Amino acid sequence: MFKIMCMESTICQAIEEHHLLWLRYRGERRIVEPHIYGEDSHGRELLSAYQIAGGSRSGQPVGWKLFDMEKIEDVEVLSRRFPEPEPAYNAGDKTFSKVYACL
């Protein structure tokens, strides 16, 4: 596992231990499998996660999502774990110029 000093220890811990996260993002409650937490080339902190339940402005409540950390209103690590990365997981995602934690 790739690991760098982490600014959001809750999210990094969830990634390391494969725990689901409960998020409130743009007013919508969601449950996600966190896969990558880091920064893009503009310095924006992002979370790449596979959403398994909850709301979505796009109308797609299940699937891959890229969350802007500034828009996450609340986060909680759930006790439930996910066993492995989702299909189509890309550990080398070029969206991220800096990675704090990934599966």
PDB file of N, CA and C in Angstrom:
ATOM      1  N   MET A   1       0.842  -1.181   0.000  1.00  0.00           N
ATOM      2  CA  MET A   1       0.000   0.000   0.000  1.00  0.00           C
ATOM      3  C   MET A   1       0.886   1.242   0.000  1.00  0.00           C
ATOM      4  N   PHE A   2       0.534   2.219  -0.816  1.00  0.00           N
ATOM      5  CA  PHE A   2       1.226   3.483  -0.898  1.00  0.00           C
ATOM      6  C   PHE A   2       0.712   4.393   0.202  1.00  0.00           C
ATOM      7  N   LYS A   3       1.610   5.020   0.960  1.00  0.00           N
ATOM      8  CA  LYS A   3       1.169   5.845   2.079  1.00  0.00           C
ATOM      9  C   LYS A   3       2.083   7.052   2.221  1.00  0.00           C
ATOM     10  N   ILE A   4       1.501   8.235   2.302  1.00  0.00           N
ATOM     11  CA  ILE A   4       2.220   9.479   2.521  1.00  0.00           C
ATOM     12  C   ILE A   4       1.536  10.176   3.681  1.00  0.00           C
ATOM     13  N   MET A   5       2.230  11.134   4.287  1.00  0.00           N
ATOM     14  CA  MET A   5       1.636  11.904   5.372  1.00  0.00           C
ATOM     15  C   MET A   5       0.236  12.359   4.977  1.00  0.00           C
ATOM     16  N   CYS A   6      -0.719  12.140   5.845  1.00  0.00           N
ATOM     17  CA  CYS A   6      -2.130  12.348   5.511  1.00  0.00           C
ATOM     18  C   CYS A   6      -2.729  13.510   6.273  1.00  0.00           C
ATOM     19  N   MET A   7      -3.414  14.397   5.559  1.00  0.00           N
ATOM     20  CA  MET A   7      -4.069  15.539   6.181  1.00  0.00           C
ATOM     21  C   MET A   7      -5.415  15.142   6.768  1.00  0.00           C
ATOM     22  N   GLU A   8      -6.100  14.225   6.181  1.00  0.00           N
ATOM     23  CA  GLU A   8      -7.406  13.778   6.655  1.00  0.00           C
ATOM     24  C   GLU A   8      -7.260  12.347   7.155  1.00  0.00           C
ATOM     25  N   SER A   9      -6.842  12.202   8.417  1.00  0.00           N
ATOM     26  CA  SER A   9      -6.533  10.876   8.945  1.00  0.00           C
ATOM     27  C   SER A   9      -7.730   9.933   8.934  1.00  0.00           C
ATOM     28  N   THR A  10      -8.939  10.456   9.084  1.00  0.00           N
ATOM     29  CA  THR A  10     -10.135   9.614   9.063  1.00  0.00           C
ATOM     30  C   THR A  10     -10.265   8.901   7.726  1.00  0.00           C
ATOM     31  N   ILE A  11     -10.111   9.630   6.649  1.00  0.00           N
ATOM     32  CA  ILE A  11     -10.247   9.047   5.316  1.00  0.00           C
ATOM     33  C   ILE A  11      -9.090   8.106   5.020  1.00  0.00           C
ATOM     34  N   CYS A  12      -7.884   8.504   5.391  1.00  0.00           N
ATOM     35  CA  CYS A  12      -6.726   7.640   5.167  1.00  0.00           C
ATOM     36  C   CYS A  12      -6.862   6.326   5.922  1.00  0.00           C
ATOM     37  N   GLN A  13      -7.330   6.393   7.159  1.00  0.00           N
ATOM     38  CA  GLN A  13      -7.516   5.182   7.952  1.00  0.00           C
ATOM     39  C   GLN A  13      -8.568   4.273   7.314  1.00  0.00           C
ATOM     40  N   ALA A  14      -9.654   4.860   6.839  1.00  0.00           N
ATOM     41  CA  ALA A  14     -10.702   4.072   6.179  1.00  0.00           C
ATOM     42  C   ALA A  14     -10.152   3.367   4.946  1.00  0.00           C
ATOM     43  N   ILE A  15      -9.328   4.054   4.171  1.00  0.00           N
ATOM     44  CA  ILE A  15      -8.726   3.443   2.980  1.00  0.00           C
ATOM     45  C   ILE A  15      -7.803   2.298   3.398  1.00  0.00           C
ATOM     46  N   GLU A  16      -6.929   2.540   4.350  1.00  0.00           N
ATOM     47  CA  GLU A  16      -5.987   1.514   4.804  1.00  0.00           C
ATOM     48  C   GLU A  16      -6.691   0.251   5.298  1.00  0.00           C
ATOM     49  N   GLU A  17      -7.813   0.442   5.996  1.00  0.00           N
ATOM     50  CA  GLU A  17      -8.500  -0.681   6.632  1.00  0.00           C
ATOM     51  C   GLU A  17      -9.724  -1.175   5.853  1.00  0.00           C
ATOM     52  N   HIS A  18      -9.935  -0.606   4.656  1.00  0.00           N
ATOM     53  CA  HIS A  18     -11.061  -0.993   3.786  1.00  0.00           C
ATOM     54  C   HIS A  18     -12.414  -0.809   4.479  1.00  0.00           C
ATOM     55  N   HIS A  19     -12.573   0.289   5.205  1.00  0.00           N
ATOM     56  CA  HIS A  19     -13.859   0.588   5.843  1.00  0.00           C
ATOM     57  C   HIS A  19     -14.700   1.476   4.934  1.00  0.00           C
ATOM     58  N   LEU A  20     -15.996   1.235   4.933  1.00  0.00           N
ATOM     59  CA  LEU A  20     -16.914   2.122   4.225  1.00  0.00           C
ATOM     60  C   LEU A  20     -16.943   3.474   4.924  1.00  0.00           C
ATOM     61  N   LEU A  21     -17.239   4.512   4.146  1.00  0.00           N
ATOM     62  CA  LEU A  21     -17.423   5.860   4.688  1.00  0.00           C
ATOM     63  C   LEU A  21     -18.855   6.307   4.453  1.00  0.00           C
ATOM     64  N   TRP A  22     -19.389   7.013   5.422  1.00  0.00           N
ATOM     65  CA  TRP A  22     -20.654   7.718   5.259  1.00  0.00           C
ATOM     66  C   TRP A  22     -20.277   9.181   5.063  1.00  0.00           C
ATOM     67  N   LEU A  23     -20.752   9.788   3.971  1.00  0.00           N
ATOM     68  CA  LEU A  23     -20.458  11.185   3.661  1.00  0.00           C
ATOM     69  C   LEU A  23     -21.742  11.985   3.516  1.00  0.00           C
ATOM     70  N   ARG A  24     -21.647  13.268   3.833  1.00  0.00           N
ATOM     71  CA  ARG A  24     -22.680  14.205   3.395  1.00  0.00           C
ATOM     72  C   ARG A  24     -21.947  15.115   2.406  1.00  0.00           C
ATOM     73  N   TYR A  25     -22.359  15.018   1.147  1.00  0.00           N
ATOM     74  CA  TYR A  25     -21.698  15.741   0.068  1.00  0.00           C
ATOM     75  C   TYR A  25     -22.741  16.537  -0.694  1.00  0.00           C
ATOM     76  N   ARG A  26     -22.553  17.854  -0.706  1.00  0.00           N
ATOM     77  CA  ARG A  26     -23.516  18.746  -1.368  1.00  0.00           C
ATOM     78  C   ARG A  26     -24.948  18.466  -0.906  1.00  0.00           C
ATOM     79  N   GLY A  27     -25.097  18.208   0.397  1.00  0.00           N
ATOM     80  CA  GLY A  27     -26.410  17.986   0.979  1.00  0.00           C
ATOM     81  C   GLY A  27     -26.957  16.579   0.849  1.00  0.00           C
ATOM     82  N   GLU A  28     -26.283  15.716   0.111  1.00  0.00           N
ATOM     83  CA  GLU A  28     -26.735  14.333  -0.105  1.00  0.00           C
ATOM     84  C   GLU A  28     -25.941  13.381   0.787  1.00  0.00           C
ATOM     85  N   ARG A  29     -26.643  12.471   1.440  1.00  0.00           N
ATOM     86  CA  ARG A  29     -25.977  11.426   2.228  1.00  0.00           C
ATOM     87  C   ARG A  29     -25.604  10.281   1.313  1.00  0.00           C
ATOM     88  N   ARG A  30     -24.386   9.777   1.490  1.00  0.00           N
ATOM     89  CA  ARG A  30     -23.879   8.724   0.610  1.00  0.00           C
ATOM     90  C   ARG A  30     -23.054   7.722   1.412  1.00  0.00           C
ATOM     91  N   ILE A  31     -22.988   6.502   0.929  1.00  0.00           N
ATOM     92  CA  ILE A  31     -22.091   5.494   1.486  1.00  0.00           C
ATOM     93  C   ILE A  31     -21.145   5.086   0.365  1.00  0.00           C
ATOM     94  N   VAL A  32     -19.839   5.162   0.669  1.00  0.00           N
ATOM     95  CA  VAL A  32     -18.834   4.931  -0.367  1.00  0.00           C
ATOM     96  C   VAL A  32     -17.732   3.993   0.114  1.00  0.00           C
ATOM     97  N   GLU A  33     -17.095   3.355  -0.862  1.00  0.00           N
ATOM     98  CA  GLU A  33     -15.870   2.592  -0.651  1.00  0.00           C
ATOM     99  C   GLU A  33     -14.725   3.503  -1.095  1.00  0.00           C
ATOM    100  N   PRO A  34     -13.958   4.055  -0.146  1.00  0.00           N
ATOM    101  CA  PRO A  34     -12.882   4.980  -0.527  1.00  0.00           C
ATOM    102  C   PRO A  34     -11.696   4.234  -1.142  1.00  0.00           C
ATOM    103  N   HIS A  35     -11.161   4.749  -2.248  1.00  0.00           N
ATOM    104  CA  HIS A  35     -10.054   4.081  -2.931  1.00  0.00           C
ATOM    105  C   HIS A  35      -8.787   4.938  -2.998  1.00  0.00           C
ATOM    106  N   ILE A  36      -8.920   6.220  -3.345  1.00  0.00           N
ATOM    107  CA  ILE A  36      -7.744   7.101  -3.439  1.00  0.00           C
ATOM    108  C   ILE A  36      -8.087   8.457  -2.820  1.00  0.00           C
ATOM    109  N   TYR A  37      -7.163   8.960  -2.003  1.00  0.00           N
ATOM    110  CA  TYR A  37      -7.284  10.311  -1.450  1.00  0.00           C
ATOM    111  C   TYR A  37      -5.991  11.049  -1.762  1.00  0.00           C
ATOM    112  N   GLY A  38      -6.115  12.231  -2.400  1.00  0.00           N
ATOM    113  CA  GLY A  38      -4.925  13.002  -2.740  1.00  0.00           C
ATOM    114  C   GLY A  38      -5.273  14.351  -3.314  1.00  0.00           C
ATOM    115  N   GLU A  39      -4.349  14.897  -4.114  1.00  0.00           N
ATOM    116  CA  GLU A  39      -4.511  16.221  -4.730  1.00  0.00           C
ATOM    117  C   GLU A  39      -4.372  16.121  -6.237  1.00  0.00           C
ATOM    118  N   ASP A  40      -5.095  17.017  -6.925  1.00  0.00           N
ATOM    119  CA  ASP A  40      -4.900  17.122  -8.367  1.00  0.00           C
ATOM    120  C   ASP A  40      -3.791  18.144  -8.631  1.00  0.00           C
ATOM    121  N   SER A  41      -3.501  18.416  -9.883  1.00  0.00           N
ATOM    122  CA  SER A  41      -2.406  19.326 -10.239  1.00  0.00           C
ATOM    123  C   SER A  41      -2.674  20.777  -9.853  1.00  0.00           C
ATOM    124  N   HIS A  42      -3.914  21.094  -9.484  1.00  0.00           N
ATOM    125  CA  HIS A  42      -4.265  22.456  -9.047  1.00  0.00           C
ATOM    126  C   HIS A  42      -4.275  22.574  -7.527  1.00  0.00           C
ATOM    127  N   GLY A  43      -3.914  21.492  -6.830  1.00  0.00           N
ATOM    128  CA  GLY A  43      -3.870  21.512  -5.370  1.00  0.00           C
ATOM    129  C   GLY A  43      -5.194  21.228  -4.690  1.00  0.00           C
ATOM    130  N   ARG A  44      -6.222  20.852  -5.474  1.00  0.00           N
ATOM    131  CA  ARG A  44      -7.520  20.497  -4.876  1.00  0.00           C
ATOM    132  C   ARG A  44      -7.442  19.100  -4.293  1.00  0.00           C
ATOM    133  N   GLU A  45      -7.893  18.958  -3.045  1.00  0.00           N
ATOM    134  CA  GLU A  45      -7.935  17.642  -2.422  1.00  0.00           C
ATOM    135  C   GLU A  45      -9.168  16.898  -2.918  1.00  0.00           C
ATOM    136  N   LEU A  46      -8.958  15.652  -3.346  1.00  0.00           N
ATOM    137  CA  LEU A  46     -10.022  14.842  -3.944  1.00  0.00           C
ATOM    138  C   LEU A  46     -10.053  13.455  -3.322  1.00  0.00           C
ATOM    139  N   LEU A  47     -11.223  12.859  -3.352  1.00  0.00           N
ATOM    140  CA  LEU A  47     -11.412  11.474  -2.935  1.00  0.00           C
ATOM    141  C   LEU A  47     -12.063  10.726  -4.092  1.00  0.00           C
ATOM    142  N   SER A  48     -11.405   9.664  -4.543  1.00  0.00           N
ATOM    143  CA  SER A  48     -11.985   8.780  -5.547  1.00  0.00           C
ATOM    144  C   SER A  48     -12.592   7.609  -4.787  1.00  0.00           C
ATOM    145  N   ALA A  49     -13.890   7.384  -4.997  1.00  0.00           N
ATOM    146  CA  ALA A  49     -14.589   6.350  -4.242  1.00  0.00           C
ATOM    147  C   ALA A  49     -15.677   5.719  -5.103  1.00  0.00           C
ATOM    148  N   TYR A  50     -16.045   4.511  -4.728  1.00  0.00           N
ATOM    149  CA  TYR A  50     -17.141   3.829  -5.389  1.00  0.00           C
ATOM    150  C   TYR A  50     -18.360   3.959  -4.491  1.00  0.00           C
ATOM    151  N   GLN A  51     -19.373   4.690  -4.960  1.00  0.00           N
ATOM    152  CA  GLN A  51     -20.578   4.898  -4.161  1.00  0.00           C
ATOM    153  C   GLN A  51     -21.488   3.688  -4.282  1.00  0.00           C
ATOM    154  N   ILE A  52     -21.929   3.167  -3.113  1.00  0.00           N
ATOM    155  CA  ILE A  52     -22.795   1.986  -3.122  1.00  0.00           C
ATOM    156  C   ILE A  52     -24.233   2.298  -2.711  1.00  0.00           C
ATOM    157  N   ALA A  53     -24.452   3.480  -2.098  1.00  0.00           N
ATOM    158  CA  ALA A  53     -25.810   3.837  -1.674  1.00  0.00           C
ATOM    159  C   ALA A  53     -25.878   5.331  -1.404  1.00  0.00           C
ATOM    160  N   GLY A  54     -27.109   5.843  -1.425  1.00  0.00           N
ATOM    161  CA  GLY A  54     -27.329   7.242  -1.077  1.00  0.00           C
ATOM    162  C   GLY A  54     -27.755   8.082  -2.253  1.00  0.00           C
ATOM    163  N   GLY A  55     -27.786   9.370  -2.015  1.00  0.00           N
ATOM    164  CA  GLY A  55     -28.250  10.321  -3.020  1.00  0.00           C
ATOM    165  C   GLY A  55     -27.172  10.710  -4.005  1.00  0.00           C
ATOM    166  N   SER A  56     -27.621  11.398  -5.056  1.00  0.00           N
ATOM    167  CA  SER A  56     -26.694  11.868  -6.074  1.00  0.00           C
ATOM    168  C   SER A  56     -27.393  12.919  -6.923  1.00  0.00           C
ATOM    169  N   ARG A  57     -26.739  14.040  -7.122  1.00  0.00           N
ATOM    170  CA  ARG A  57     -27.303  15.071  -7.995  1.00  0.00           C
ATOM    171  C   ARG A  57     -27.352  14.619  -9.445  1.00  0.00           C
ATOM    172  N   SER A  58     -26.442  13.720  -9.813  1.00  0.00           N
ATOM    173  CA  SER A  58     -26.393  13.248 -11.199  1.00  0.00           C
ATOM    174  C   SER A  58     -27.489  12.225 -11.500  1.00  0.00           C
ATOM    175  N   GLY A  59     -28.127  11.719 -10.445  1.00  0.00           N
ATOM    176  CA  GLY A  59     -29.136  10.686 -10.645  1.00  0.00           C
ATOM    177  C   GLY A  59     -28.544   9.287 -10.708  1.00  0.00           C
ATOM    178  N   GLN A  60     -27.238   9.172 -10.523  1.00  0.00           N
ATOM    179  CA  GLN A  60     -26.542   7.884 -10.534  1.00  0.00           C
ATOM    180  C   GLN A  60     -26.063   7.576  -9.115  1.00  0.00           C
ATOM    181  N   PRO A  61     -26.889   6.910  -8.278  1.00  0.00           N
ATOM    182  CA  PRO A  61     -26.521   6.678  -6.884  1.00  0.00           C
ATOM    183  C   PRO A  61     -25.472   5.592  -6.662  1.00  0.00           C
ATOM    184  N   VAL A  62     -25.148   4.823  -7.694  1.00  0.00           N
ATOM    185  CA  VAL A  62     -24.139   3.774  -7.581  1.00  0.00           C
ATOM    186  C   VAL A  62     -23.114   3.972  -8.686  1.00  0.00           C
ATOM    187  N   GLY A  63     -21.832   3.880  -8.309  1.00  0.00           N
ATOM    188  CA  GLY A  63     -20.777   3.983  -9.310  1.00  0.00           C
ATOM    189  C   GLY A  63     -19.601   4.803  -8.830  1.00  0.00           C
ATOM    190  N   TRP A  64     -18.624   4.950  -9.720  1.00  0.00           N
ATOM    191  CA  TRP A  64     -17.413   5.709  -9.406  1.00  0.00           C
ATOM    192  C   TRP A  64     -17.725   7.192  -9.308  1.00  0.00           C
ATOM    193  N   LYS A  65     -17.179   7.826  -8.255  1.00  0.00           N
ATOM    194  CA  LYS A  65     -17.375   9.261  -8.036  1.00  0.00           C
ATOM    195  C   LYS A  65     -16.038   9.881  -7.636  1.00  0.00           C
ATOM    196  N   LEU A  66     -15.880  11.144  -7.987  1.00  0.00           N
ATOM    197  CA  LEU A  66     -14.723  11.929  -7.575  1.00  0.00           C
ATOM    198  C   LEU A  66     -15.262  13.068  -6.715  1.00  0.00           C
ATOM    199  N   PHE A  67     -14.910  13.064  -5.439  1.00  0.00           N
ATOM    200  CA  PHE A  67     -15.435  14.035  -4.485  1.00  0.00           C
ATOM    201  C   PHE A  67     -14.412  15.122  -4.196  1.00  0.00           C
ATOM    202  N   ASP A  68     -14.829  16.370  -4.309  1.00  0.00           N
ATOM    203  CA  ASP A  68     -14.021  17.524  -3.928  1.00  0.00           C
ATOM    204  C   ASP A  68     -14.120  17.641  -2.406  1.00  0.00           C
ATOM    205  N   MET A  69     -12.992  17.530  -1.711  1.00  0.00           N
ATOM    206  CA  MET A  69     -12.993  17.518  -0.246  1.00  0.00           C
ATOM    207  C   MET A  69     -13.620  18.779   0.353  1.00  0.00           C
ATOM    208  N   GLU A  70     -13.529  19.900  -0.334  1.00  0.00           N
ATOM    209  CA  GLU A  70     -14.122  21.147   0.178  1.00  0.00           C
ATOM    210  C   GLU A  70     -15.645  21.087   0.216  1.00  0.00           C
ATOM    211  N   LYS A  71     -16.235  20.152  -0.517  1.00  0.00           N
ATOM    212  CA  LYS A  71     -17.693  20.049  -0.571  1.00  0.00           C
ATOM    213  C   LYS A  71     -18.247  18.935   0.310  1.00  0.00           C
ATOM    214  N   ILE A  72     -17.349  18.205   0.989  1.00  0.00           N
ATOM    215  CA  ILE A  72     -17.792  17.185   1.941  1.00  0.00           C
ATOM    216  C   ILE A  72     -18.120  17.895   3.246  1.00  0.00           C
ATOM    217  N   GLU A  73     -19.375  17.797   3.661  1.00  0.00           N
ATOM    218  CA  GLU A  73     -19.844  18.497   4.854  1.00  0.00           C
ATOM    219  C   GLU A  73     -19.639  17.696   6.127  1.00  0.00           C
ATOM    220  N   ASP A  74     -19.638  16.371   6.015  1.00  0.00           N
ATOM    221  CA  ASP A  74     -19.494  15.499   7.176  1.00  0.00           C
ATOM    222  C   ASP A  74     -19.001  14.149   6.687  1.00  0.00           C
ATOM    223  N   VAL A  75     -18.225  13.461   7.519  1.00  0.00           N
ATOM    224  CA  VAL A  75     -17.717  12.136   7.167  1.00  0.00           C
ATOM    225  C   VAL A  75     -17.645  11.280   8.429  1.00  0.00           C
ATOM    226  N   GLU A  76     -17.946  10.008   8.259  1.00  0.00           N
ATOM    227  CA  GLU A  76     -17.872   9.066   9.373  1.00  0.00           C
ATOM    228  C   GLU A  76     -17.404   7.717   8.846  1.00  0.00           C
ATOM    229  N   VAL A  77     -16.471   7.098   9.552  1.00  0.00           N
ATOM    230  CA  VAL A  77     -16.014   5.757   9.191  1.00  0.00           C
ATOM    231  C   VAL A  77     -17.016   4.758   9.751  1.00  0.00           C
ATOM    232  N   LEU A  78     -17.505   3.869   8.905  1.00  0.00           N
ATOM    233  CA  LEU A  78     -18.446   2.841   9.328  1.00  0.00           C
ATOM    234  C   LEU A  78     -17.689   1.579   9.737  1.00  0.00           C
ATOM    235  N   SER A  79     -18.303   0.748  10.551  1.00  0.00           N
ATOM    236  CA  SER A  79     -17.641  -0.484  10.991  1.00  0.00           C
ATOM    237  C   SER A  79     -17.584  -1.520   9.873  1.00  0.00           C
ATOM    238  N   ARG A  80     -18.504  -1.448   8.921  1.00  0.00           N
ATOM    239  CA  ARG A  80     -18.539  -2.399   7.805  1.00  0.00           C
ATOM    240  C   ARG A  80     -17.355  -2.185   6.866  1.00  0.00           C
ATOM    241  N   ARG A  81     -16.774  -3.268   6.408  1.00  0.00           N
ATOM    242  CA  ARG A  81     -15.623  -3.211   5.501  1.00  0.00           C
ATOM    243  C   ARG A  81     -16.003  -3.707   4.114  1.00  0.00           C
ATOM    244  N   PHE A  82     -15.203  -3.330   3.138  1.00  0.00           N
ATOM    245  CA  PHE A  82     -15.338  -3.887   1.788  1.00  0.00           C
ATOM    246  C   PHE A  82     -14.081  -4.714   1.521  1.00  0.00           C
ATOM    247  N   PRO A  83     -14.224  -5.875   0.866  1.00  0.00           N
ATOM    248  CA  PRO A  83     -13.118  -6.826   0.785  1.00  0.00           C
ATOM    249  C   PRO A  83     -11.966  -6.456  -0.147  1.00  0.00           C
ATOM    250  N   GLU A  84     -12.259  -5.843  -1.268  1.00  0.00           N
ATOM    251  CA  GLU A  84     -11.209  -5.567  -2.253  1.00  0.00           C
ATOM    252  C   GLU A  84     -11.623  -4.390  -3.119  1.00  0.00           C
ATOM    253  N   PRO A  85     -10.692  -3.843  -3.892  1.00  0.00           N
ATOM    254  CA  PRO A  85     -11.059  -2.742  -4.784  1.00  0.00           C
ATOM    255  C   PRO A  85     -12.143  -3.149  -5.776  1.00  0.00           C
ATOM    256  N   GLU A  86     -12.945  -2.194  -6.143  1.00  0.00           N
ATOM    257  CA  GLU A  86     -13.985  -2.413  -7.157  1.00  0.00           C
ATOM    258  C   GLU A  86     -13.333  -2.654  -8.513  1.00  0.00           C
ATOM    259  N   PRO A  87     -14.005  -3.409  -9.383  1.00  0.00           N
ATOM    260  CA  PRO A  87     -13.500  -3.564 -10.756  1.00  0.00           C
ATOM    261  C   PRO A  87     -13.323  -2.178 -11.393  1.00  0.00           C
ATOM    262  N   ALA A  88     -12.374  -2.084 -12.239  1.00  0.00           N
ATOM    263  CA  ALA A  88     -12.025  -0.836 -12.931  1.00  0.00           C
ATOM    264  C   ALA A  88     -11.292   0.148 -12.036  1.00  0.00           C
ATOM    265  N   TYR A  89     -10.881  -0.284 -10.833  1.00  0.00           N
ATOM    266  CA  TYR A  89     -10.066   0.586  -9.971  1.00  0.00           C
ATOM    267  C   TYR A  89      -8.732   0.829 -10.648  1.00  0.00           C
ATOM    268  N   ASN A  90      -8.301   2.083 -10.686  1.00  0.00           N
ATOM    269  CA  ASN A  90      -7.052   2.460 -11.330  1.00  0.00           C
ATOM    270  C   ASN A  90      -6.141   3.114 -10.297  1.00  0.00           C
ATOM    271  N   ALA A  91      -5.243   2.345  -9.708  1.00  0.00           N
ATOM    272  CA  ALA A  91      -4.332   2.868  -8.681  1.00  0.00           C
ATOM    273  C   ALA A  91      -3.428   3.961  -9.238  1.00  0.00           C
ATOM    274  N   GLY A  92      -3.209   3.989 -10.535  1.00  0.00           N
ATOM    275  CA  GLY A  92      -2.360   4.999 -11.160  1.00  0.00           C
ATOM    276  C   GLY A  92      -3.147   6.136 -11.788  1.00  0.00           C
ATOM    277  N   ASP A  93      -4.334   6.408 -11.265  1.00  0.00           N
ATOM    278  CA  ASP A  93      -5.218   7.447 -11.807  1.00  0.00           C
ATOM    279  C   ASP A  93      -4.464   8.763 -11.976  1.00  0.00           C
ATOM    280  N   LYS A  94      -4.374   9.253 -13.205  1.00  0.00           N
ATOM    281  CA  LYS A  94      -3.629  10.475 -13.524  1.00  0.00           C
ATOM    282  C   LYS A  94      -4.316  11.746 -13.036  1.00  0.00           C
ATOM    283  N   THR A  95      -5.548  11.624 -12.506  1.00  0.00           N
ATOM    284  CA  THR A  95      -6.222  12.771 -11.912  1.00  0.00           C
ATOM    285  C   THR A  95      -5.421  13.290 -10.726  1.00  0.00           C
ATOM    286  N   PHE A  96      -4.711  12.387 -10.070  1.00  0.00           N
ATOM    287  CA  PHE A  96      -3.985  12.726  -8.849  1.00  0.00           C
ATOM    288  C   PHE A  96      -2.512  12.994  -9.145  1.00  0.00           C
ATOM    289  N   SER A  97      -2.058  14.182  -8.740  1.00  0.00           N
ATOM    290  CA  SER A  97      -0.626  14.486  -8.858  1.00  0.00           C
ATOM    291  C   SER A  97       0.094  14.150  -7.565  1.00  0.00           C
ATOM    292  N   LYS A  98      -0.650  14.052  -6.467  1.00  0.00           N
ATOM    293  CA  LYS A  98      -0.111  13.685  -5.159  1.00  0.00           C
ATOM    294  C   LYS A  98      -1.123  12.762  -4.492  1.00  0.00           C
ATOM    295  N   VAL A  99      -0.663  11.638  -3.957  1.00  0.00           N
ATOM    296  CA  VAL A  99      -1.541  10.670  -3.310  1.00  0.00           C
ATOM    297  C   VAL A  99      -1.177  10.577  -1.838  1.00  0.00           C
ATOM    298  N   TYR A 100      -2.187  10.737  -0.972  1.00  0.00           N
ATOM    299  CA  TYR A 100      -1.988  10.584   0.470  1.00  0.00           C
ATOM    300  C   TYR A 100      -2.247   9.152   0.912  1.00  0.00           C
ATOM    301  N   ALA A 101      -3.233   8.503   0.296  1.00  0.00           N
ATOM    302  CA  ALA A 101      -3.577   7.119   0.633  1.00  0.00           C
ATOM    303  C   ALA A 101      -4.290   6.486  -0.546  1.00  0.00           C
ATOM    304  N   CYS A 102      -4.029   5.199  -0.767  1.00  0.00           N
ATOM    305  CA  CYS A 102      -4.753   4.457  -1.803  1.00  0.00           C
ATOM    306  C   CYS A 102      -4.722   2.981  -1.461  1.00  0.00           C
ATOM    307  N   LEU A 103      -5.645   2.232  -2.075  1.00  0.00           N
ATOM    308  CA  LEU A 103      -5.675   0.781  -1.866  1.00  0.00           C
ATOM    309  C   LEU A 103      -4.507   0.155  -2.603  1.00  0.00           C
TER     310      LEU A 103
END
